Amino acid sequence: MITRIVEISGGVGGARLARGFSALREVDLTVIVNVGDDAPIHGLQVSPDLDTVIYTLAGLEGPQGWGRADDSFVANTELSRFGVDNTFRLGDLDLALKIYRTSRLGAGDPLSEVTEAIRMSFGLDVKVLPASNDTIRTVVNIEGGRQLTFREYFVDRGHQDHVSGVDFDGAATANPAPGVVESIDEADLVVIGPSNPPLSVWPIFAIRDVAEAVRRHPRVVAVSPLIGGRALKGPADVVLSDLGLGAGTESVIAAYRGMIETLVVDTTDRADVGEIDGVRVIALDTRIVDAEPASALARAILAL
């Protein structure tokens, strides 16, 4: 029997869980991916989370979980000749994908069709959908009233600023990409990957029709990005606290209030197992850097 699963995903953590589900023969997987981080760099349209998901599913992700494995950086280095800020490093293989995407988008093709072509070029069976074809931009508000683009906050400033709020420009009028709502409605299980809730998942839920589809689904499981109250990568724990959502497991539940029935936490946090604010909390091994533990976690979620 085939189980239809939709995963809501940001970048690295969500991509790794998707790799786990993709290894299960009994799963028909669709991954809906955040586009709030998308932005032009060097005139090329970069979709960081979409690319991370595709590279990871193809087994080609870089050692940090993003970019391409064994990439070279000749073009990136050469940009310094022209006085261009090349601190955001794009590898040569990665640049080829960006050039292709930018060319297609410039010709008027929607992001979902371009993403489908990229998916097929890597020979992936898993369906990968951008949350929307419309432009959505995550804006991070920091202390002092300053607003930063996601790249400024996360890359340029190393996510060291305390966050006072998050906005999603364009989300109020954005439509889900074709197939997004339908895949959620038809899924046997919806899983929110271990991505940063405010920065990687909220931009998806800021699209009203997507949020409503998840909210009405009877089986929604989230995987906490925190282990022992801390994020292994990135600032998820700090951002949750900065936004007044609390700490640890309770902060993740607060971030997804009204959206989930079950939260999976790491075995490190087994003391939280039970029920919190109407959400069932269970403990599994959520350390999924490698493919085998990712598949084990996916299988355990499937068995819930």
C-alpha atoms as a PDB file:
ATOM      1  CA  MET A   1       0.000   0.000   0.000  1.00  0.00           C
ATOM      2  CA  ILE A   2       1.356   3.405  -1.014  1.00  0.00           C
ATOM      3  CA  THR A   3       1.140   6.257   1.493  1.00  0.00           C
ATOM      4  CA  ARG A   4       0.910   9.739   0.014  1.00  0.00           C
ATOM      5  CA  ILE A   5       3.028  12.128   2.049  1.00  0.00           C
ATOM      6  CA  VAL A   6       3.438  15.864   1.691  1.00  0.00           C
ATOM      7  CA  GLU A   7       6.413  17.420   3.403  1.00  0.00           C
ATOM      8  CA  ILE A   8       6.546  21.149   4.110  1.00  0.00           C
ATOM      9  CA  SER A   9      10.214  22.060   3.850  1.00  0.00           C
ATOM     10  CA  GLY A  10      12.758  24.774   4.255  1.00  0.00           C
ATOM     11  CA  GLY A  11      16.370  24.053   3.399  1.00  0.00           C
ATOM     12  CA  VAL A  12      18.842  21.652   4.968  1.00  0.00           C
ATOM     13  CA  GLY A  13      16.771  19.962   7.693  1.00  0.00           C
ATOM     14  CA  GLY A  14      13.697  19.552   5.547  1.00  0.00           C
ATOM     15  CA  ALA A  15      15.793  18.337   2.626  1.00  0.00           C
ATOM     16  CA  ARG A  16      17.405  15.642   4.762  1.00  0.00           C
ATOM     17  CA  LEU A  17      14.043  14.370   5.985  1.00  0.00           C
ATOM     18  CA  ALA A  18      12.767  14.355   2.403  1.00  0.00           C
ATOM     19  CA  ARG A  19      15.740  12.189   1.480  1.00  0.00           C
ATOM     20  CA  GLY A  20      14.653   9.785   4.210  1.00  0.00           C
ATOM     21  CA  PHE A  21      11.089   9.546   2.935  1.00  0.00           C
ATOM     22  CA  SER A  22      12.276   9.206  -0.667  1.00  0.00           C
ATOM     23  CA  ALA A  23      14.112   5.987   0.263  1.00  0.00           C
ATOM     24  CA  LEU A  24      10.858   4.261   1.295  1.00  0.00           C
ATOM     25  CA  ARG A  25       9.232   2.282  -1.493  1.00  0.00           C
ATOM     26  CA  GLU A  26       5.806   2.524   0.097  1.00  0.00           C
ATOM     27  CA  VAL A  27       5.803   6.344  -0.011  1.00  0.00           C
ATOM     28  CA  ASP A  28       4.628   8.712  -2.743  1.00  0.00           C
ATOM     29  CA  LEU A  29       6.323  11.962  -1.671  1.00  0.00           C
ATOM     30  CA  THR A  30       5.652  15.572  -2.595  1.00  0.00           C
ATOM     31  CA  VAL A  31       7.849  18.288  -1.089  1.00  0.00           C
ATOM     32  CA  ILE A  32       6.461  21.833  -0.859  1.00  0.00           C
ATOM     33  CA  VAL A  33       9.352  24.241  -0.476  1.00  0.00           C
ATOM     34  CA  ASN A  34       9.815  27.720   0.945  1.00  0.00           C
ATOM     35  CA  VAL A  35      10.483  30.510  -1.578  1.00  0.00           C
ATOM     36  CA  GLY A  36      10.712  33.394   0.904  1.00  0.00           C
ATOM     37  CA  ASP A  37      14.518  33.359   0.697  1.00  0.00           C
ATOM     38  CA  ASP A  38      14.581  33.615  -3.108  1.00  0.00           C
ATOM     39  CA  ALA A  39      16.521  36.616  -4.358  1.00  0.00           C
ATOM     40  CA  PRO A  40      18.668  37.767  -7.283  1.00  0.00           C
ATOM     41  CA  ILE A  41      22.421  37.462  -6.804  1.00  0.00           C
ATOM     42  CA  HIS A  42      24.812  38.677  -9.511  1.00  0.00           C
ATOM     43  CA  GLY A  43      21.735  39.088 -11.706  1.00  0.00           C
ATOM     44  CA  LEU A  44      20.765  35.435 -11.307  1.00  0.00           C
ATOM     45  CA  GLN A  45      17.636  34.165  -9.590  1.00  0.00           C
ATOM     46  CA  VAL A  46      18.639  32.080  -6.580  1.00  0.00           C
ATOM     47  CA  SER A  47      16.146  29.771  -4.862  1.00  0.00           C
ATOM     48  CA  PRO A  48      18.228  28.436  -1.953  1.00  0.00           C
ATOM     49  CA  ASP A  49      15.733  26.036  -0.403  1.00  0.00           C
ATOM     50  CA  LEU A  50      14.496  24.585  -3.693  1.00  0.00           C
ATOM     51  CA  ASP A  51      18.067  23.918  -4.770  1.00  0.00           C
ATOM     52  CA  THR A  52      19.029  22.400  -1.423  1.00  0.00           C
ATOM     53  CA  VAL A  53      16.073  20.020  -1.577  1.00  0.00           C
ATOM     54  CA  ILE A  54      16.847  18.971  -5.150  1.00  0.00           C
ATOM     55  CA  TYR A  55      20.581  18.548  -4.578  1.00  0.00           C
ATOM     56  CA  THR A  56      19.980  16.531  -1.402  1.00  0.00           C
ATOM     57  CA  LEU A  57      17.413  14.250  -3.027  1.00  0.00           C
ATOM     58  CA  ALA A  58      19.909  13.696  -5.858  1.00  0.00           C
ATOM     59  CA  GLY A  59      22.730  12.941  -3.381  1.00  0.00           C
ATOM     60  CA  LEU A  60      24.712  15.915  -4.658  1.00  0.00           C
ATOM     61  CA  GLU A  61      24.515  18.350  -1.759  1.00  0.00           C
ATOM     62  CA  GLY A  62      27.640  20.074  -0.458  1.00  0.00           C
ATOM     63  CA  PRO A  63      29.365  19.111   2.803  1.00  0.00           C
ATOM     64  CA  GLN A  64      27.477  21.764   4.796  1.00  0.00           C
ATOM     65  CA  GLY A  65      24.140  20.591   3.409  1.00  0.00           C
ATOM     66  CA  TRP A  66      23.819  23.268   0.733  1.00  0.00           C
ATOM     67  CA  GLY A  67      25.412  23.941  -2.650  1.00  0.00           C
ATOM     68  CA  ARG A  68      26.855  21.197  -4.875  1.00  0.00           C
ATOM     69  CA  ALA A  69      29.328  18.581  -3.758  1.00  0.00           C
ATOM     70  CA  ASP A  70      32.839  18.850  -5.238  1.00  0.00           C
ATOM     71  CA  ASP A  71      32.033  22.195  -6.836  1.00  0.00           C
ATOM     72  CA  SER A  72      34.680  24.654  -8.018  1.00  0.00           C
ATOM     73  CA  PHE A  73      34.544  28.416  -7.580  1.00  0.00           C
ATOM     74  CA  VAL A  74      36.459  29.796 -10.551  1.00  0.00           C
ATOM     75  CA  ALA A  75      33.706  32.169 -11.680  1.00  0.00           C
ATOM     76  CA  ASN A  76      33.037  33.316  -8.117  1.00  0.00           C
ATOM     77  CA  THR A  77      36.721  34.136  -7.612  1.00  0.00           C
ATOM     78  CA  GLU A  78      36.937  35.919 -10.959  1.00  0.00           C
ATOM     79  CA  LEU A  79      34.140  38.292  -9.934  1.00  0.00           C
ATOM     80  CA  SER A  80      36.588  39.986  -7.567  1.00  0.00           C
ATOM     81  CA  ARG A  81      38.450  41.281 -10.624  1.00  0.00           C
ATOM     82  CA  PHE A  82      35.502  43.584 -11.255  1.00  0.00           C
ATOM     83  CA  GLY A  83      35.126  44.724  -7.674  1.00  0.00           C
ATOM     84  CA  VAL A  84      31.987  42.635  -7.193  1.00  0.00           C
ATOM     85  CA  ASP A  85      31.086  41.492  -3.692  1.00  0.00           C
ATOM     86  CA  ASN A  86      31.493  37.734  -4.001  1.00  0.00           C
ATOM     87  CA  THR A  87      31.243  36.788  -0.332  1.00  0.00           C
ATOM     88  CA  PHE A  88      28.062  34.847  -1.161  1.00  0.00           C
ATOM     89  CA  ARG A  89      29.815  31.992  -2.902  1.00  0.00           C
ATOM     90  CA  LEU A  90      28.156  30.319  -5.854  1.00  0.00           C
ATOM     91  CA  GLY A  91      29.996  27.327  -7.265  1.00  0.00           C
ATOM     92  CA  ASP A  92      30.438  26.795 -10.982  1.00  0.00           C
ATOM     93  CA  LEU A  93      28.094  23.791 -11.188  1.00  0.00           C
ATOM     94  CA  ASP A  94      25.570  25.656  -9.058  1.00  0.00           C
ATOM     95  CA  LEU A  95      25.856  28.688 -11.335  1.00  0.00           C
ATOM     96  CA  ALA A  96      24.764  26.602 -14.304  1.00  0.00           C
ATOM     97  CA  LEU A  97      21.483  25.807 -12.581  1.00  0.00           C
ATOM     98  CA  LYS A  98      20.985  29.472 -11.650  1.00  0.00           C
ATOM     99  CA  ILE A  99      21.648  30.585 -15.220  1.00  0.00           C
ATOM    100  CA  TYR A 100      19.114  28.080 -16.522  1.00  0.00           C
ATOM    101  CA  ARG A 101      16.471  29.155 -14.000  1.00  0.00           C
ATOM    102  CA  THR A 102      17.018  32.854 -14.678  1.00  0.00           C
ATOM    103  CA  SER A 103      16.793  32.333 -18.423  1.00  0.00           C
ATOM    104  CA  ARG A 104      13.520  30.414 -18.151  1.00  0.00           C
ATOM    105  CA  LEU A 105      11.972  32.892 -15.712  1.00  0.00           C
ATOM    106  CA  GLY A 106      13.060  35.757 -17.945  1.00  0.00           C
ATOM    107  CA  ALA A 107      11.225  34.099 -20.815  1.00  0.00           C
ATOM    108  CA  GLY A 108       8.046  34.153 -18.749  1.00  0.00           C
ATOM    109  CA  ASP A 109       7.961  30.562 -17.521  1.00  0.00           C
ATOM    110  CA  PRO A 110       6.578  30.114 -13.980  1.00  0.00           C
ATOM    111  CA  LEU A 111       8.877  28.909 -11.216  1.00  0.00           C
ATOM    112  CA  SER A 112       6.903  25.684 -10.794  1.00  0.00           C
ATOM    113  CA  GLU A 113       7.494  24.670 -14.427  1.00  0.00           C
ATOM    114  CA  VAL A 114      11.173  25.564 -14.213  1.00  0.00           C
ATOM    115  CA  THR A 115      11.508  23.585 -10.971  1.00  0.00           C
ATOM    116  CA  GLU A 116       9.831  20.591 -12.608  1.00  0.00           C
ATOM    117  CA  ALA A 117      12.330  20.723 -15.479  1.00  0.00           C
ATOM    118  CA  ILE A 118      15.223  20.903 -13.013  1.00  0.00           C
ATOM    119  CA  ARG A 119      13.791  17.996 -10.997  1.00  0.00           C
ATOM    120  CA  MET A 120      13.517  15.855 -14.103  1.00  0.00           C
ATOM    121  CA  SER A 121      17.035  16.760 -15.221  1.00  0.00           C
ATOM    122  CA  PHE A 122      18.341  15.210 -11.985  1.00  0.00           C
ATOM    123  CA  GLY A 123      16.227  12.092 -12.488  1.00  0.00           C
ATOM    124  CA  LEU A 124      14.204  12.516  -9.297  1.00  0.00           C
ATOM    125  CA  ASP A 125      10.976  10.610  -8.703  1.00  0.00           C
ATOM    126  CA  VAL A 126       9.935  12.855  -5.823  1.00  0.00           C
ATOM    127  CA  LYS A 127       7.691  15.776  -6.741  1.00  0.00           C
ATOM    128  CA  VAL A 128       9.173  19.129  -5.698  1.00  0.00           C
ATOM    129  CA  LEU A 129       6.872  22.160  -5.707  1.00  0.00           C
ATOM    130  CA  PRO A 130       7.657  25.781  -4.869  1.00  0.00           C
ATOM    131  CA  ALA A 131       5.091  27.070  -2.403  1.00  0.00           C
ATOM    132  CA  SER A 132       4.142  29.793  -4.879  1.00  0.00           C
ATOM    133  CA  ASN A 133       5.047  31.133  -8.309  1.00  0.00           C
ATOM    134  CA  ASP A 134       4.507  34.636  -6.959  1.00  0.00           C
ATOM    135  CA  THR A 135       7.235  36.707  -5.359  1.00  0.00           C
ATOM    136  CA  ILE A 136       7.371  36.391  -1.579  1.00  0.00           C
ATOM    137  CA  ARG A 137      10.188  37.989   0.371  1.00  0.00           C
ATOM    138  CA  THR A 138      10.990  37.234   4.012  1.00  0.00           C
ATOM    139  CA  VAL A 139      11.831  40.461   5.836  1.00  0.00           C
ATOM    140  CA  VAL A 140      13.516  40.206   9.223  1.00  0.00           C
ATOM    141  CA  ASN A 141      12.878  43.024  11.685  1.00  0.00           C
ATOM    142  CA  ILE A 142      15.667  43.554  14.182  1.00  0.00           C
ATOM    143  CA  GLU A 143      16.117  45.721  17.243  1.00  0.00           C
ATOM    144  CA  GLY A 144      16.065  49.413  16.517  1.00  0.00           C
ATOM    145  CA  GLY A 145      13.350  49.111  13.890  1.00  0.00           C
ATOM    146  CA  ARG A 146      15.675  48.104  11.067  1.00  0.00           C
ATOM    147  CA  GLN A 147      14.448  45.722   8.389  1.00  0.00           C
ATOM    148  CA  LEU A 148      16.762  43.236   6.699  1.00  0.00           C
ATOM    149  CA  THR A 149      16.354  40.960   3.741  1.00  0.00           C
ATOM    150  CA  PHE A 150      16.817  37.318   4.590  1.00  0.00           C
ATOM    151  CA  ARG A 151      20.252  37.327   2.945  1.00  0.00           C
ATOM    152  CA  GLU A 152      21.353  40.382   4.921  1.00  0.00           C
ATOM    153  CA  TYR A 153      20.209  38.825   8.183  1.00  0.00           C
ATOM    154  CA  PHE A 154      21.326  35.255   7.620  1.00  0.00           C
ATOM    155  CA  VAL A 155      24.382  35.490   5.371  1.00  0.00           C
ATOM    156  CA  ASP A 156      25.827  38.985   5.522  1.00  0.00           C
ATOM    157  CA  ARG A 157      25.319  39.494   9.280  1.00  0.00           C
ATOM    158  CA  GLY A 158      25.586  35.836  10.284  1.00  0.00           C
ATOM    159  CA  HIS A 159      22.121  35.796  11.993  1.00  0.00           C
ATOM    160  CA  GLN A 160      23.622  37.510  15.039  1.00  0.00           C
ATOM    161  CA  ASP A 161      20.875  40.127  15.387  1.00  0.00           C
ATOM    162  CA  HIS A 162      17.961  39.666  17.751  1.00  0.00           C
ATOM    163  CA  VAL A 163      14.717  39.386  15.808  1.00  0.00           C
ATOM    164  CA  SER A 164      11.740  41.532  16.788  1.00  0.00           C
ATOM    165  CA  GLY A 165       9.419  40.366  14.014  1.00  0.00           C
ATOM    166  CA  VAL A 166       9.161  38.671  10.638  1.00  0.00           C
ATOM    167  CA  ASP A 167       7.177  39.872   7.628  1.00  0.00           C
ATOM    168  CA  PHE A 168       6.487  38.128   4.341  1.00  0.00           C
ATOM    169  CA  ASP A 169       6.162  40.726   1.611  1.00  0.00           C
ATOM    170  CA  GLY A 170       3.846  39.628  -1.177  1.00  0.00           C
ATOM    171  CA  ALA A 171       2.361  36.676   0.709  1.00  0.00           C
ATOM    172  CA  ALA A 172      -1.011  38.329   1.298  1.00  0.00           C
ATOM    173  CA  THR A 173      -1.731  38.334  -2.436  1.00  0.00           C
ATOM    174  CA  ALA A 174       0.273  35.250  -3.410  1.00  0.00           C
ATOM    175  CA  ASN A 175      -1.388  32.150  -4.792  1.00  0.00           C
ATOM    176  CA  PRO A 176      -0.186  28.613  -4.152  1.00  0.00           C
ATOM    177  CA  ALA A 177       1.741  27.106  -7.035  1.00  0.00           C
ATOM    178  CA  PRO A 178      -0.243  24.589  -9.111  1.00  0.00           C
ATOM    179  CA  GLY A 179      -0.627  21.310  -7.275  1.00  0.00           C
ATOM    180  CA  VAL A 180       0.267  22.598  -3.818  1.00  0.00           C
ATOM    181  CA  VAL A 181      -3.177  22.680  -2.226  1.00  0.00           C
ATOM    182  CA  GLU A 182      -4.318  19.619  -4.153  1.00  0.00           C
ATOM    183  CA  SER A 183      -1.356  17.567  -2.940  1.00  0.00           C
ATOM    184  CA  ILE A 184      -2.077  18.543   0.678  1.00  0.00           C
ATOM    185  CA  ASP A 185      -5.766  17.699   0.339  1.00  0.00           C
ATOM    186  CA  GLU A 186      -4.980  14.311  -1.212  1.00  0.00           C
ATOM    187  CA  ALA A 187      -2.166  13.384   1.202  1.00  0.00           C
ATOM    188  CA  ASP A 188      -2.542  10.652   3.787  1.00  0.00           C
ATOM    189  CA  LEU A 189      -0.055  12.482   6.003  1.00  0.00           C
ATOM    190  CA  VAL A 190       1.397  15.995   6.096  1.00  0.00           C
ATOM    191  CA  VAL A 191       4.825  16.370   7.691  1.00  0.00           C
ATOM    192  CA  ILE A 192       6.484  19.664   8.565  1.00  0.00           C
ATOM    193  CA  GLY A 193      10.211  19.098   8.290  1.00  0.00           C
ATOM    194  CA  PRO A 194      12.780  20.110  10.927  1.00  0.00           C
ATOM    195  CA  SER A 195      13.216  23.559   9.443  1.00  0.00           C
ATOM    196  CA  ASN A 196      13.304  26.927  11.222  1.00  0.00           C
ATOM    197  CA  PRO A 197       9.597  27.557  11.970  1.00  0.00           C
ATOM    198  CA  PRO A 198       9.483  31.389  11.707  1.00  0.00           C
ATOM    199  CA  LEU A 199      12.042  31.796   8.909  1.00  0.00           C
ATOM    200  CA  SER A 200      11.476  28.731   6.717  1.00  0.00           C
ATOM    201  CA  VAL A 201       7.954  27.432   7.408  1.00  0.00           C
ATOM    202  CA  TRP A 202       5.956  30.553   8.241  1.00  0.00           C
ATOM    203  CA  PRO A 203       6.633  32.005   4.749  1.00  0.00           C
ATOM    204  CA  ILE A 204       4.791  28.980   3.337  1.00  0.00           C
ATOM    205  CA  PHE A 205       1.927  29.315   5.814  1.00  0.00           C
ATOM    206  CA  ALA A 206       1.743  33.042   5.051  1.00  0.00           C
ATOM    207  CA  ILE A 207       0.042  31.948   1.809  1.00  0.00           C
ATOM    208  CA  ARG A 208      -3.527  31.765   3.083  1.00  0.00           C
ATOM    209  CA  ASP A 209      -4.754  28.855   0.981  1.00  0.00           C
ATOM    210  CA  VAL A 210      -1.756  26.742   1.951  1.00  0.00           C
ATOM    211  CA  ALA A 211      -2.234  27.426   5.659  1.00  0.00           C
ATOM    212  CA  GLU A 212      -5.926  26.607   5.426  1.00  0.00           C
ATOM    213  CA  ALA A 213      -5.217  23.331   3.622  1.00  0.00           C
ATOM    214  CA  VAL A 214      -2.756  22.254   6.319  1.00  0.00           C
ATOM    215  CA  ARG A 215      -5.056  23.412   9.113  1.00  0.00           C
ATOM    216  CA  ARG A 216      -7.960  21.293   7.861  1.00  0.00           C
ATOM    217  CA  HIS A 217      -5.862  18.170   7.269  1.00  0.00           C
ATOM    218  CA  PRO A 218      -6.553  15.502   9.917  1.00  0.00           C
ATOM    219  CA  ARG A 219      -2.972  14.193  10.181  1.00  0.00           C
ATOM    220  CA  VAL A 220      -0.203  16.779  10.484  1.00  0.00           C
ATOM    221  CA  VAL A 221       3.089  15.879  12.145  1.00  0.00           C
ATOM    222  CA  ALA A 222       5.937  18.332  12.718  1.00  0.00           C
ATOM    223  CA  VAL A 223       9.541  17.426  13.440  1.00  0.00           C
ATOM    224  CA  SER A 224      11.227  19.782  15.867  1.00  0.00           C
ATOM    225  CA  PRO A 225      14.421  21.462  14.647  1.00  0.00           C
ATOM    226  CA  LEU A 226      15.638  21.638  18.266  1.00  0.00           C
ATOM    227  CA  ILE A 227      17.676  19.073  20.156  1.00  0.00           C
ATOM    228  CA  GLY A 228      18.042  19.708  23.845  1.00  0.00           C
ATOM    229  CA  GLY A 229      16.450  23.101  23.284  1.00  0.00           C
ATOM    230  CA  ARG A 230      19.065  24.173  20.743  1.00  0.00           C
ATOM    231  CA  ALA A 231      19.268  24.191  16.970  1.00  0.00           C
ATOM    232  CA  LEU A 232      22.110  22.113  15.560  1.00  0.00           C
ATOM    233  CA  LYS A 233      22.365  24.572  12.673  1.00  0.00           C
ATOM    234  CA  GLY A 234      21.099  28.112  12.383  1.00  0.00           C
ATOM    235  CA  PRO A 235      19.259  30.353  14.828  1.00  0.00           C
ATOM    236  CA  ALA A 236      15.889  28.601  15.212  1.00  0.00           C
ATOM    237  CA  ASP A 237      16.029  28.472  19.010  1.00  0.00           C
ATOM    238  CA  VAL A 238      17.104  32.105  19.303  1.00  0.00           C
ATOM    239  CA  VAL A 239      14.475  33.350  16.852  1.00  0.00           C
ATOM    240  CA  LEU A 240      11.695  31.422  18.604  1.00  0.00           C
ATOM    241  CA  SER A 241      12.740  32.984  21.903  1.00  0.00           C
ATOM    242  CA  ASP A 242      13.149  36.475  20.414  1.00  0.00           C
ATOM    243  CA  LEU A 243       9.601  36.307  19.066  1.00  0.00           C
ATOM    244  CA  GLY A 244       8.215  35.521  22.507  1.00  0.00           C
ATOM    245  CA  LEU A 245       7.345  31.904  21.765  1.00  0.00           C
ATOM    246  CA  GLY A 246       9.308  30.498  24.664  1.00  0.00           C
ATOM    247  CA  ALA A 247      11.999  27.858  24.623  1.00  0.00           C
ATOM    248  CA  GLY A 248      12.470  24.206  23.707  1.00  0.00           C
ATOM    249  CA  THR A 249       9.583  21.969  22.722  1.00  0.00           C
ATOM    250  CA  GLU A 250       6.935  24.422  23.897  1.00  0.00           C
ATOM    251  CA  SER A 251       8.286  27.118  21.555  1.00  0.00           C
ATOM    252  CA  VAL A 252       7.917  24.844  18.519  1.00  0.00           C
ATOM    253  CA  ILE A 253       4.370  23.927  19.528  1.00  0.00           C
ATOM    254  CA  ALA A 254       3.579  27.621  19.927  1.00  0.00           C
ATOM    255  CA  ALA A 255       4.998  28.339  16.473  1.00  0.00           C
ATOM    256  CA  TYR A 256       2.640  25.762  14.951  1.00  0.00           C
ATOM    257  CA  ARG A 257      -0.399  26.408  17.144  1.00  0.00           C
ATOM    258  CA  GLY A 258      -3.575  25.214  15.437  1.00  0.00           C
ATOM    259  CA  MET A 259      -1.617  23.488  12.655  1.00  0.00           C
ATOM    260  CA  ILE A 260      -0.329  20.181  14.059  1.00  0.00           C
ATOM    261  CA  GLU A 261      -1.602  17.193  16.009  1.00  0.00           C
ATOM    262  CA  THR A 262       1.779  15.586  16.718  1.00  0.00           C
ATOM    263  CA  LEU A 263       5.280  16.905  17.341  1.00  0.00           C
ATOM    264  CA  VAL A 264       8.314  14.656  17.026  1.00  0.00           C
ATOM    265  CA  VAL A 265      11.199  15.659  19.298  1.00  0.00           C
ATOM    266  CA  ASP A 266      14.620  14.102  19.630  1.00  0.00           C
ATOM    267  CA  THR A 267      15.232  11.373  22.189  1.00  0.00           C
ATOM    268  CA  THR A 268      17.325  13.945  24.071  1.00  0.00           C
ATOM    269  CA  ASP A 269      14.010  15.660  24.857  1.00  0.00           C
ATOM    270  CA  ARG A 270      12.101  12.530  25.887  1.00  0.00           C
ATOM    271  CA  ALA A 271      11.122  14.274  29.135  1.00  0.00           C
ATOM    272  CA  ASP A 272       8.655  16.290  27.030  1.00  0.00           C
ATOM    273  CA  VAL A 273       6.815  13.195  25.779  1.00  0.00           C
ATOM    274  CA  GLY A 274       3.094  13.328  26.470  1.00  0.00           C
ATOM    275  CA  GLU A 275       0.664  16.091  25.606  1.00  0.00           C
ATOM    276  CA  ILE A 276       1.412  19.814  25.553  1.00  0.00           C
ATOM    277  CA  ASP A 277      -1.319  22.316  24.680  1.00  0.00           C
ATOM    278  CA  GLY A 278      -3.324  19.577  22.971  1.00  0.00           C
ATOM    279  CA  VAL A 279      -0.393  18.364  20.863  1.00  0.00           C
ATOM    280  CA  ARG A 280       0.918  14.828  21.230  1.00  0.00           C
ATOM    281  CA  VAL A 281       4.692  14.823  21.734  1.00  0.00           C
ATOM    282  CA  ILE A 282       6.713  11.716  20.905  1.00  0.00           C
ATOM    283  CA  ALA A 283      10.477  11.145  20.937  1.00  0.00           C
ATOM    284  CA  LEU A 284      12.471   9.658  18.046  1.00  0.00           C
ATOM    285  CA  ASP A 285      16.056  10.013  16.865  1.00  0.00           C
ATOM    286  CA  THR A 286      15.955  13.227  14.799  1.00  0.00           C
ATOM    287  CA  ARG A 287      19.687  13.461  14.053  1.00  0.00           C
ATOM    288  CA  ILE A 288      19.485  12.893  10.303  1.00  0.00           C
ATOM    289  CA  VAL A 289      22.697  14.253   8.815  1.00  0.00           C
ATOM    290  CA  ASP A 290      23.244  10.923   7.070  1.00  0.00           C
ATOM    291  CA  ALA A 291      20.839   9.072   4.795  1.00  0.00           C
ATOM    292  CA  GLU A 292      20.356   5.955   6.942  1.00  0.00           C
ATOM    293  CA  PRO A 293      19.096   7.697  10.105  1.00  0.00           C
ATOM    294  CA  ALA A 294      16.935   9.931   7.909  1.00  0.00           C
ATOM    295  CA  SER A 295      15.259   6.841   6.458  1.00  0.00           C
ATOM    296  CA  ALA A 296      14.842   5.364   9.944  1.00  0.00           C
ATOM    297  CA  LEU A 297      13.133   8.546  11.147  1.00  0.00           C
ATOM    298  CA  ALA A 298      10.902   8.639   8.071  1.00  0.00           C
ATOM    299  CA  ARG A 299       9.862   5.030   8.626  1.00  0.00           C
ATOM    300  CA  ALA A 300       9.111   5.707  12.304  1.00  0.00           C
ATOM    301  CA  ILE A 301       6.958   8.723  11.392  1.00  0.00           C
ATOM    302  CA  LEU A 302       5.137   6.617   8.824  1.00  0.00           C
ATOM    303  CA  ALA A 303       4.349   4.077  11.540  1.00  0.00           C
ATOM    304  CA  LEU A 304       2.773   6.602  13.901  1.00  0.00           C
END
